Amino acid sequence: MPQDTAQDDPQEDEKLVDPITDRPGFDETESQISIVGHPIHAMSVAFPIALTFCAFGADLFYWWTGDAFWARAALWAAGTGFMFGMLAAFSGTAELLLASGIRARAAPWTHAIIAVTLLGLLAANWAHRLYGYEEAVLPYGILISGLSLMMVGLTGWHGGKLVFDYRLGTSKGN
């Protein structure tokens, strides 16, 4: 009876090699856009996240109370969230394009696509409210705010995975 050994099976000797990890600069994942070692993108994303929650909350309060203040607050939250989202997008895009180790991976590109989708929703939410913010809340304003909230959760979760699990876009001291 022949014995099965590694010499008989040439595939057992082959190792799987990821060609991406051999690229020059693959380990260069430190933030390129920072202030005193603090990554600007990681600091700036808090604003659009919080303002997306504020827009949805203001929509709920308007639905509950009928007070025009909340409709106006949702307009401002949606617009300001979009503007701060654009600033976060500029710094995030710079990180993506300037750090070769970040650029070489697929996950940051996925995060960028999800974040751009979120920006589109934030822009649509704001634009929908610009001319008649009270009439805009129900039903479409609150639906767009809710969808934006789900998208910001997905974007934030994915971005957090990049920073905390993969250590992308952080400073060397961390």
N, C-alpha and C. Protein backbone atom coordinates (compact mmCIF):
# COMPACT_ATOMS: atom_id res chain seq x y z
N MET A 1 0.82 -1.18 0.00
CA MET A 1 0.00 0.00 0.00
C MET A 1 0.87 1.25 0.00
N PRO A 2 0.70 2.13 -0.99
CA PRO A 2 1.53 3.35 -1.01
C PRO A 2 1.08 4.33 0.06
N GLN A 3 2.06 4.98 0.68
CA GLN A 3 1.75 6.00 1.69
C GLN A 3 1.66 7.36 1.01
N ASP A 4 0.74 8.20 1.54
CA ASP A 4 0.55 9.55 1.00
C ASP A 4 1.49 10.50 1.73
N THR A 5 2.48 10.99 1.06
CA THR A 5 3.43 11.93 1.69
C THR A 5 3.40 13.25 0.96
N ALA A 6 4.03 14.23 1.55
CA ALA A 6 4.08 15.56 0.95
C ALA A 6 4.86 15.55 -0.35
N GLN A 7 5.77 14.56 -0.49
CA GLN A 7 6.54 14.48 -1.72
C GLN A 7 5.67 14.02 -2.88
N ASP A 8 4.63 13.26 -2.56
CA ASP A 8 3.74 12.78 -3.60
C ASP A 8 2.79 13.87 -4.09
N ASP A 9 2.50 14.86 -3.26
CA ASP A 9 1.55 15.92 -3.60
C ASP A 9 2.30 17.25 -3.72
N PRO A 10 2.61 17.69 -4.93
CA PRO A 10 3.39 18.93 -5.09
C PRO A 10 2.65 20.18 -4.62
N GLN A 11 1.32 20.13 -4.54
CA GLN A 11 0.57 21.32 -4.11
C GLN A 11 0.75 21.62 -2.63
N GLU A 12 1.10 20.62 -1.83
CA GLU A 12 1.28 20.85 -0.40
C GLU A 12 2.51 21.70 -0.13
N ASP A 13 3.49 21.66 -1.01
CA ASP A 13 4.71 22.42 -0.81
C ASP A 13 4.56 23.88 -1.20
N GLU A 14 3.56 24.19 -2.01
CA GLU A 14 3.37 25.56 -2.46
C GLU A 14 2.75 26.40 -1.36
N LYS A 15 3.27 27.60 -1.20
CA LYS A 15 2.70 28.53 -0.23
C LYS A 15 1.90 29.58 -0.98
N LEU A 16 0.81 30.01 -0.36
CA LEU A 16 0.02 31.09 -0.95
C LEU A 16 0.70 32.42 -0.62
N VAL A 17 0.91 33.21 -1.64
CA VAL A 17 1.58 34.49 -1.47
C VAL A 17 0.65 35.58 -1.98
N ASP A 18 0.46 36.59 -1.16
CA ASP A 18 -0.35 37.73 -1.57
C ASP A 18 0.55 38.73 -2.29
N PRO A 19 0.36 38.95 -3.57
CA PRO A 19 1.26 39.85 -4.30
C PRO A 19 1.14 41.31 -3.86
N ILE A 20 0.03 41.67 -3.26
CA ILE A 20 -0.15 43.06 -2.81
C ILE A 20 0.80 43.39 -1.67
N THR A 21 1.02 42.43 -0.76
CA THR A 21 1.90 42.70 0.39
C THR A 21 3.35 42.88 -0.01
N ASP A 22 3.72 42.44 -1.19
CA ASP A 22 5.09 42.59 -1.67
C ASP A 22 5.33 43.92 -2.38
N ARG A 23 4.27 44.71 -2.56
CA ARG A 23 4.41 45.99 -3.26
C ARG A 23 5.21 46.96 -2.41
N PRO A 24 6.02 47.79 -3.05
CA PRO A 24 6.77 48.81 -2.28
C PRO A 24 5.79 49.78 -1.61
N GLY A 25 6.05 50.06 -0.36
CA GLY A 25 5.21 51.01 0.38
C GLY A 25 3.96 50.40 0.99
N PHE A 26 3.81 49.07 0.97
CA PHE A 26 2.61 48.45 1.51
C PHE A 26 2.44 48.74 3.01
N ASP A 27 3.55 48.84 3.72
CA ASP A 27 3.49 49.09 5.16
C ASP A 27 3.38 50.57 5.51
N GLU A 28 3.36 51.44 4.51
CA GLU A 28 3.26 52.88 4.77
C GLU A 28 1.80 53.27 4.90
N THR A 29 1.27 53.15 6.10
CA THR A 29 -0.14 53.42 6.35
C THR A 29 -0.35 54.57 7.32
N GLU A 30 0.72 55.28 7.64
CA GLU A 30 0.61 56.40 8.56
C GLU A 30 -0.13 57.56 7.91
N SER A 31 -0.86 58.31 8.73
CA SER A 31 -1.61 59.46 8.23
C SER A 31 -0.68 60.48 7.59
N GLN A 32 -1.06 60.94 6.41
CA GLN A 32 -0.29 61.96 5.70
C GLN A 32 -0.86 63.36 5.92
N ILE A 33 -2.11 63.43 6.38
CA ILE A 33 -2.79 64.70 6.60
C ILE A 33 -3.12 64.78 8.09
N SER A 34 -2.25 65.45 8.84
CA SER A 34 -2.46 65.50 10.28
C SER A 34 -1.97 66.82 10.85
N ILE A 35 -2.43 67.10 12.05
CA ILE A 35 -1.98 68.27 12.80
C ILE A 35 -1.33 67.74 14.08
N VAL A 36 -0.05 67.96 14.22
CA VAL A 36 0.73 67.51 15.36
C VAL A 36 0.49 66.01 15.64
N GLY A 37 0.49 65.21 14.58
CA GLY A 37 0.31 63.78 14.71
C GLY A 37 -1.12 63.30 14.83
N HIS A 38 -2.10 64.20 14.84
CA HIS A 38 -3.50 63.82 14.94
C HIS A 38 -4.13 63.84 13.54
N PRO A 39 -4.57 62.69 13.05
CA PRO A 39 -5.14 62.60 11.69
C PRO A 39 -6.40 63.46 11.54
N ILE A 40 -6.40 64.33 10.56
CA ILE A 40 -7.52 65.25 10.35
C ILE A 40 -8.79 64.49 9.96
N HIS A 41 -8.66 63.47 9.14
CA HIS A 41 -9.87 62.74 8.72
C HIS A 41 -10.55 62.09 9.93
N ALA A 42 -9.79 61.45 10.76
CA ALA A 42 -10.37 60.79 11.94
C ALA A 42 -11.03 61.81 12.88
N MET A 43 -10.47 63.01 12.94
CA MET A 43 -11.07 64.05 13.80
C MET A 43 -12.30 64.67 13.17
N SER A 44 -12.31 64.81 11.86
CA SER A 44 -13.39 65.56 11.20
C SER A 44 -14.65 64.74 10.95
N VAL A 45 -14.58 63.42 10.98
CA VAL A 45 -15.77 62.62 10.69
C VAL A 45 -16.81 62.68 11.80
N ALA A 46 -16.41 63.09 12.97
CA ALA A 46 -17.37 63.16 14.09
C ALA A 46 -18.50 64.15 13.80
N PHE A 47 -18.21 65.21 13.10
CA PHE A 47 -19.21 66.25 12.84
C PHE A 47 -20.34 65.79 11.92
N PRO A 48 -20.03 65.24 10.74
CA PRO A 48 -21.14 64.78 9.91
C PRO A 48 -21.92 63.62 10.54
N ILE A 49 -21.23 62.79 11.32
CA ILE A 49 -21.93 61.70 12.00
C ILE A 49 -22.94 62.27 12.98
N ALA A 50 -22.49 63.18 13.83
CA ALA A 50 -23.37 63.77 14.85
C ALA A 50 -24.50 64.55 14.21
N LEU A 51 -24.21 65.29 13.15
CA LEU A 51 -25.24 66.11 12.51
C LEU A 51 -26.27 65.26 11.76
N THR A 52 -25.88 64.09 11.29
CA THR A 52 -26.84 63.18 10.68
C THR A 52 -27.84 62.69 11.73
N PHE A 53 -27.33 62.37 12.91
CA PHE A 53 -28.21 61.99 14.02
C PHE A 53 -29.12 63.15 14.42
N CYS A 54 -28.56 64.37 14.42
CA CYS A 54 -29.36 65.55 14.77
C CYS A 54 -30.49 65.79 13.78
N ALA A 55 -30.21 65.63 12.49
CA ALA A 55 -31.25 65.83 11.47
C ALA A 55 -32.38 64.85 11.67
N PHE A 56 -32.06 63.59 11.91
CA PHE A 56 -33.09 62.58 12.12
C PHE A 56 -33.87 62.87 13.41
N GLY A 57 -33.16 63.24 14.46
CA GLY A 57 -33.82 63.58 15.72
C GLY A 57 -34.74 64.77 15.59
N ALA A 58 -34.29 65.80 14.87
CA ALA A 58 -35.13 66.98 14.66
C ALA A 58 -36.37 66.63 13.84
N ASP A 59 -36.21 65.75 12.85
CA ASP A 59 -37.37 65.28 12.08
C ASP A 59 -38.38 64.57 12.98
N LEU A 60 -37.90 63.72 13.87
CA LEU A 60 -38.79 63.03 14.79
C LEU A 60 -39.51 64.01 15.72
N PHE A 61 -38.77 65.00 16.22
CA PHE A 61 -39.39 66.00 17.09
C PHE A 61 -40.42 66.84 16.35
N TYR A 62 -40.14 67.17 15.08
CA TYR A 62 -41.13 67.90 14.29
C TYR A 62 -42.39 67.05 14.08
N TRP A 63 -42.20 65.78 13.79
CA TRP A 63 -43.33 64.86 13.59
C TRP A 63 -44.15 64.76 14.87
N TRP A 64 -43.48 64.76 16.00
CA TRP A 64 -44.15 64.61 17.29
C TRP A 64 -44.85 65.90 17.74
N THR A 65 -44.15 67.06 17.55
CA THR A 65 -44.68 68.32 18.09
C THR A 65 -45.35 69.21 17.04
N GLY A 66 -44.95 69.12 15.80
CA GLY A 66 -45.45 70.02 14.77
C GLY A 66 -44.85 71.42 14.86
N ASP A 67 -43.85 71.61 15.72
CA ASP A 67 -43.20 72.91 15.89
C ASP A 67 -42.21 73.15 14.75
N ALA A 68 -42.35 74.28 14.06
CA ALA A 68 -41.51 74.60 12.90
C ALA A 68 -40.03 74.72 13.28
N PHE A 69 -39.75 74.98 14.55
CA PHE A 69 -38.36 75.06 14.99
C PHE A 69 -37.61 73.79 14.62
N TRP A 70 -38.23 72.63 14.84
CA TRP A 70 -37.56 71.36 14.59
C TRP A 70 -37.34 71.12 13.10
N ALA A 71 -38.25 71.57 12.27
CA ALA A 71 -38.06 71.45 10.82
C ALA A 71 -36.89 72.32 10.36
N ARG A 72 -36.81 73.52 10.93
CA ARG A 72 -35.70 74.42 10.61
C ARG A 72 -34.37 73.84 11.14
N ALA A 73 -34.41 73.24 12.34
CA ALA A 73 -33.21 72.63 12.90
C ALA A 73 -32.73 71.47 12.02
N ALA A 74 -33.66 70.69 11.49
CA ALA A 74 -33.30 69.59 10.60
C ALA A 74 -32.67 70.11 9.31
N LEU A 75 -33.19 71.22 8.79
CA LEU A 75 -32.60 71.84 7.60
C LEU A 75 -31.14 72.21 7.86
N TRP A 76 -30.90 72.88 8.99
CA TRP A 76 -29.55 73.30 9.33
C TRP A 76 -28.63 72.11 9.61
N ALA A 77 -29.16 71.11 10.29
CA ALA A 77 -28.35 69.93 10.59
C ALA A 77 -27.97 69.18 9.31
N ALA A 78 -28.94 69.06 8.39
CA ALA A 78 -28.66 68.37 7.13
C ALA A 78 -27.62 69.13 6.30
N GLY A 79 -27.78 70.44 6.21
CA GLY A 79 -26.84 71.26 5.43
C GLY A 79 -25.46 71.30 6.04
N THR A 80 -25.39 71.49 7.35
CA THR A 80 -24.09 71.55 8.02
C THR A 80 -23.42 70.18 8.01
N GLY A 81 -24.22 69.12 8.15
CA GLY A 81 -23.66 67.77 8.07
C GLY A 81 -23.06 67.50 6.70
N PHE A 82 -23.72 67.97 5.66
CA PHE A 82 -23.19 67.82 4.31
C PHE A 82 -21.88 68.59 4.15
N MET A 83 -21.85 69.83 4.63
CA MET A 83 -20.64 70.66 4.49
C MET A 83 -19.46 70.05 5.25
N PHE A 84 -19.69 69.63 6.49
CA PHE A 84 -18.62 68.98 7.25
C PHE A 84 -18.25 67.63 6.63
N GLY A 85 -19.21 66.96 6.03
CA GLY A 85 -18.93 65.71 5.33
C GLY A 85 -18.01 65.93 4.14
N MET A 86 -18.19 67.05 3.45
CA MET A 86 -17.30 67.37 2.34
C MET A 86 -15.87 67.61 2.84
N LEU A 87 -15.73 68.30 3.97
CA LEU A 87 -14.39 68.51 4.53
C LEU A 87 -13.75 67.19 4.93
N ALA A 88 -14.54 66.30 5.55
CA ALA A 88 -14.03 64.98 5.91
C ALA A 88 -13.67 64.19 4.66
N ALA A 89 -14.45 64.35 3.61
CA ALA A 89 -14.17 63.64 2.35
C ALA A 89 -12.87 64.12 1.72
N PHE A 90 -12.60 65.41 1.77
CA PHE A 90 -11.35 65.92 1.20
C PHE A 90 -10.14 65.35 1.95
N SER A 91 -10.19 65.35 3.27
CA SER A 91 -9.06 64.82 4.03
C SER A 91 -8.96 63.30 3.86
N GLY A 92 -10.08 62.61 3.80
CA GLY A 92 -10.06 61.16 3.60
C GLY A 92 -9.53 60.78 2.23
N THR A 93 -9.91 61.55 1.21
CA THR A 93 -9.41 61.28 -0.14
C THR A 93 -7.91 61.53 -0.21
N ALA A 94 -7.46 62.57 0.46
CA ALA A 94 -6.02 62.85 0.50
C ALA A 94 -5.27 61.70 1.17
N GLU A 95 -5.81 61.19 2.28
CA GLU A 95 -5.18 60.03 2.95
C GLU A 95 -5.13 58.84 2.01
N LEU A 96 -6.23 58.59 1.33
CA LEU A 96 -6.31 57.45 0.42
C LEU A 96 -5.29 57.55 -0.70
N LEU A 97 -5.14 58.72 -1.27
CA LEU A 97 -4.27 58.88 -2.43
C LEU A 97 -2.80 59.09 -2.07
N LEU A 98 -2.52 59.66 -0.90
CA LEU A 98 -1.13 59.97 -0.55
C LEU A 98 -0.40 58.84 0.18
N ALA A 99 -1.10 57.98 0.88
CA ALA A 99 -0.45 56.89 1.61
C ALA A 99 -0.50 55.61 0.76
N SER A 100 0.64 55.17 0.28
CA SER A 100 0.66 54.02 -0.64
C SER A 100 0.15 52.74 0.00
N GLY A 101 0.37 52.56 1.28
CA GLY A 101 -0.11 51.36 1.96
C GLY A 101 -1.62 51.34 2.12
N ILE A 102 -2.22 52.52 2.20
CA ILE A 102 -3.68 52.62 2.28
C ILE A 102 -4.26 52.42 0.88
N ARG A 103 -3.65 53.07 -0.09
CA ARG A 103 -4.12 53.01 -1.47
C ARG A 103 -4.08 51.58 -2.04
N ALA A 104 -3.14 50.76 -1.58
CA ALA A 104 -2.96 49.41 -2.13
C ALA A 104 -4.03 48.43 -1.67
N ARG A 105 -4.76 48.76 -0.62
CA ARG A 105 -5.75 47.83 -0.07
C ARG A 105 -7.14 48.12 -0.64
N ALA A 106 -7.97 47.08 -0.66
CA ALA A 106 -9.33 47.23 -1.18
C ALA A 106 -10.28 47.86 -0.17
N ALA A 107 -10.12 47.57 1.11
CA ALA A 107 -11.06 48.05 2.13
C ALA A 107 -11.18 49.58 2.20
N PRO A 108 -10.09 50.34 2.09
CA PRO A 108 -10.26 51.80 2.09
C PRO A 108 -11.07 52.31 0.89
N TRP A 109 -10.95 51.66 -0.25
CA TRP A 109 -11.72 52.07 -1.42
C TRP A 109 -13.21 51.77 -1.19
N THR A 110 -13.49 50.66 -0.55
CA THR A 110 -14.88 50.34 -0.21
C THR A 110 -15.45 51.39 0.74
N HIS A 111 -14.66 51.76 1.73
CA HIS A 111 -15.09 52.80 2.67
C HIS A 111 -15.35 54.11 1.93
N ALA A 112 -14.50 54.44 0.98
CA ALA A 112 -14.67 55.68 0.22
C ALA A 112 -15.97 55.66 -0.59
N ILE A 113 -16.29 54.53 -1.19
CA ILE A 113 -17.52 54.42 -1.98
C ILE A 113 -18.75 54.57 -1.08
N ILE A 114 -18.72 53.92 0.08
CA ILE A 114 -19.84 54.03 1.01
C ILE A 114 -19.97 55.47 1.50
N ALA A 115 -18.85 56.12 1.79
CA ALA A 115 -18.87 57.49 2.29
C ALA A 115 -19.39 58.47 1.23
N VAL A 116 -19.04 58.25 -0.03
CA VAL A 116 -19.55 59.11 -1.09
C VAL A 116 -21.06 58.92 -1.25
N THR A 117 -21.53 57.70 -1.07
CA THR A 117 -22.97 57.44 -1.10
C THR A 117 -23.66 58.20 0.03
N LEU A 118 -23.05 58.17 1.21
CA LEU A 118 -23.58 58.93 2.33
C LEU A 118 -23.61 60.43 2.02
N LEU A 119 -22.55 60.94 1.42
CA LEU A 119 -22.53 62.36 1.04
C LEU A 119 -23.65 62.70 0.08
N GLY A 120 -23.92 61.81 -0.86
CA GLY A 120 -25.03 62.02 -1.78
C GLY A 120 -26.37 62.08 -1.06
N LEU A 121 -26.55 61.21 -0.07
CA LEU A 121 -27.78 61.23 0.72
C LEU A 121 -27.89 62.51 1.55
N LEU A 122 -26.77 62.93 2.15
CA LEU A 122 -26.79 64.17 2.93
C LEU A 122 -27.12 65.37 2.03
N ALA A 123 -26.56 65.38 0.83
CA ALA A 123 -26.85 66.47 -0.10
C ALA A 123 -28.32 66.45 -0.52
N ALA A 124 -28.85 65.26 -0.79
CA ALA A 124 -30.26 65.14 -1.18
C ALA A 124 -31.17 65.58 -0.04
N ASN A 125 -30.81 65.21 1.18
CA ASN A 125 -31.60 65.58 2.34
C ASN A 125 -31.65 67.11 2.50
N TRP A 126 -30.49 67.72 2.35
CA TRP A 126 -30.42 69.19 2.48
C TRP A 126 -31.17 69.86 1.33
N ALA A 127 -30.93 69.41 0.11
CA ALA A 127 -31.57 70.03 -1.05
C ALA A 127 -33.09 69.89 -0.99
N HIS A 128 -33.56 68.77 -0.48
CA HIS A 128 -35.00 68.53 -0.38
C HIS A 128 -35.67 69.55 0.56
N ARG A 129 -34.92 70.06 1.51
CA ARG A 129 -35.48 70.95 2.53
C ARG A 129 -35.30 72.43 2.21
N LEU A 130 -34.49 72.77 1.25
CA LEU A 130 -34.14 74.17 1.02
C LEU A 130 -35.34 75.07 0.73
N TYR A 131 -36.30 74.60 0.00
CA TYR A 131 -37.45 75.42 -0.35
C TYR A 131 -38.71 74.82 0.27
N GLY A 132 -38.96 75.19 1.50
CA GLY A 132 -40.12 74.68 2.21
C GLY A 132 -39.74 73.60 3.21
N TYR A 133 -38.98 73.97 4.21
CA TYR A 133 -38.45 72.98 5.14
C TYR A 133 -39.52 72.28 5.97
N GLU A 134 -40.64 72.95 6.25
CA GLU A 134 -41.70 72.29 7.02
C GLU A 134 -42.39 71.21 6.19
N GLU A 135 -42.71 71.53 4.96
CA GLU A 135 -43.38 70.56 4.09
C GLU A 135 -42.45 69.41 3.71
N ALA A 136 -41.15 69.64 3.81
CA ALA A 136 -40.18 68.63 3.37
C ALA A 136 -39.99 67.49 4.37
N VAL A 137 -40.38 67.70 5.62
CA VAL A 137 -40.10 66.69 6.65
C VAL A 137 -40.88 65.41 6.41
N LEU A 138 -42.18 65.53 6.22
CA LEU A 138 -43.02 64.34 6.10
C LEU A 138 -43.50 64.17 4.68
N PRO A 139 -43.37 63.06 4.07
CA PRO A 139 -42.74 61.84 4.56
C PRO A 139 -41.29 61.68 4.11
N TYR A 140 -40.88 62.43 3.03
CA TYR A 140 -39.58 62.14 2.42
C TYR A 140 -38.40 62.61 3.24
N GLY A 141 -38.51 63.72 3.92
CA GLY A 141 -37.39 64.22 4.73
C GLY A 141 -36.99 63.24 5.81
N ILE A 142 -37.98 62.73 6.53
CA ILE A 142 -37.66 61.80 7.60
C ILE A 142 -37.17 60.46 7.04
N LEU A 143 -37.65 60.07 5.87
CA LEU A 143 -37.16 58.84 5.24
C LEU A 143 -35.71 58.98 4.79
N ILE A 144 -35.39 60.12 4.19
CA ILE A 144 -33.99 60.35 3.76
C ILE A 144 -33.09 60.44 4.99
N SER A 145 -33.57 61.09 6.05
CA SER A 145 -32.78 61.17 7.28
C SER A 145 -32.55 59.79 7.87
N GLY A 146 -33.56 58.94 7.87
CA GLY A 146 -33.41 57.59 8.38
C GLY A 146 -32.45 56.76 7.55
N LEU A 147 -32.54 56.88 6.23
CA LEU A 147 -31.61 56.18 5.34
C LEU A 147 -30.19 56.70 5.54
N SER A 148 -30.05 58.01 5.71
CA SER A 148 -28.74 58.59 5.98
C SER A 148 -28.17 58.06 7.29
N LEU A 149 -29.03 57.90 8.27
CA LEU A 149 -28.61 57.37 9.57
C LEU A 149 -28.09 55.94 9.43
N MET A 150 -28.77 55.12 8.66
CA MET A 150 -28.28 53.75 8.43
C MET A 150 -26.95 53.77 7.67
N MET A 151 -26.85 54.66 6.70
CA MET A 151 -25.62 54.74 5.91
C MET A 151 -24.46 55.27 6.74
N VAL A 152 -24.73 56.22 7.63
CA VAL A 152 -23.65 56.74 8.47
C VAL A 152 -23.19 55.66 9.45
N GLY A 153 -24.11 54.81 9.88
CA GLY A 153 -23.71 53.69 10.73
C GLY A 153 -22.79 52.73 10.01
N LEU A 154 -23.13 52.39 8.78
CA LEU A 154 -22.31 51.50 7.97
C LEU A 154 -20.95 52.13 7.67
N THR A 155 -20.96 53.38 7.27
CA THR A 155 -19.71 54.09 6.95
C THR A 155 -18.83 54.19 8.18
N GLY A 156 -19.41 54.58 9.30
CA GLY A 156 -18.64 54.72 10.53
C GLY A 156 -18.08 53.40 11.02
N TRP A 157 -18.88 52.34 10.92
CA TRP A 157 -18.41 51.02 11.33
C TRP A 157 -17.23 50.59 10.46
N HIS A 158 -17.37 50.78 9.16
CA HIS A 158 -16.31 50.37 8.25
C HIS A 158 -15.05 51.20 8.48
N GLY A 159 -15.21 52.51 8.65
CA GLY A 159 -14.06 53.36 8.93
C GLY A 159 -13.39 53.02 10.25
N GLY A 160 -14.19 52.69 11.25
CA GLY A 160 -13.63 52.27 12.53
C GLY A 160 -12.82 50.99 12.40
N LYS A 161 -13.30 50.05 11.58
CA LYS A 161 -12.55 48.81 11.33
C LYS A 161 -11.19 49.14 10.70
N LEU A 162 -11.16 50.09 9.78
CA LEU A 162 -9.90 50.45 9.13
C LEU A 162 -8.90 51.01 10.14
N VAL A 163 -9.39 51.84 11.04
CA VAL A 163 -8.50 52.47 12.01
C VAL A 163 -8.12 51.51 13.13
N PHE A 164 -9.10 50.89 13.76
CA PHE A 164 -8.82 50.11 14.96
C PHE A 164 -8.33 48.69 14.68
N ASP A 165 -8.78 48.07 13.62
CA ASP A 165 -8.34 46.71 13.32
C ASP A 165 -7.11 46.68 12.41
N TYR A 166 -7.09 47.54 11.39
CA TYR A 166 -5.99 47.53 10.42
C TYR A 166 -4.95 48.61 10.68
N ARG A 167 -5.24 49.53 11.58
CA ARG A 167 -4.33 50.63 11.94
C ARG A 167 -3.98 51.51 10.75
N LEU A 168 -4.95 51.73 9.85
CA LEU A 168 -4.72 52.58 8.69
C LEU A 168 -5.04 54.03 9.03
N GLY A 169 -4.22 54.94 8.54
CA GLY A 169 -4.47 56.36 8.73
C GLY A 169 -4.22 56.86 10.14
N THR A 170 -3.43 56.15 10.90
CA THR A 170 -3.09 56.58 12.26
C THR A 170 -1.67 57.08 12.28
N SER A 171 -1.23 57.58 13.41
CA SER A 171 0.15 58.03 13.51
C SER A 171 1.01 56.87 14.01
N LYS A 172 2.33 56.95 13.75
CA LYS A 172 3.23 55.85 14.11
C LYS A 172 3.26 55.61 15.61
N GLY A 173 3.05 56.63 16.39
CA GLY A 173 3.11 56.50 17.84
C GLY A 173 1.96 55.71 18.43
N ASN A 174 0.92 55.46 17.65
CA ASN A 174 -0.27 54.76 18.17
C ASN A 174 -0.17 53.28 17.95
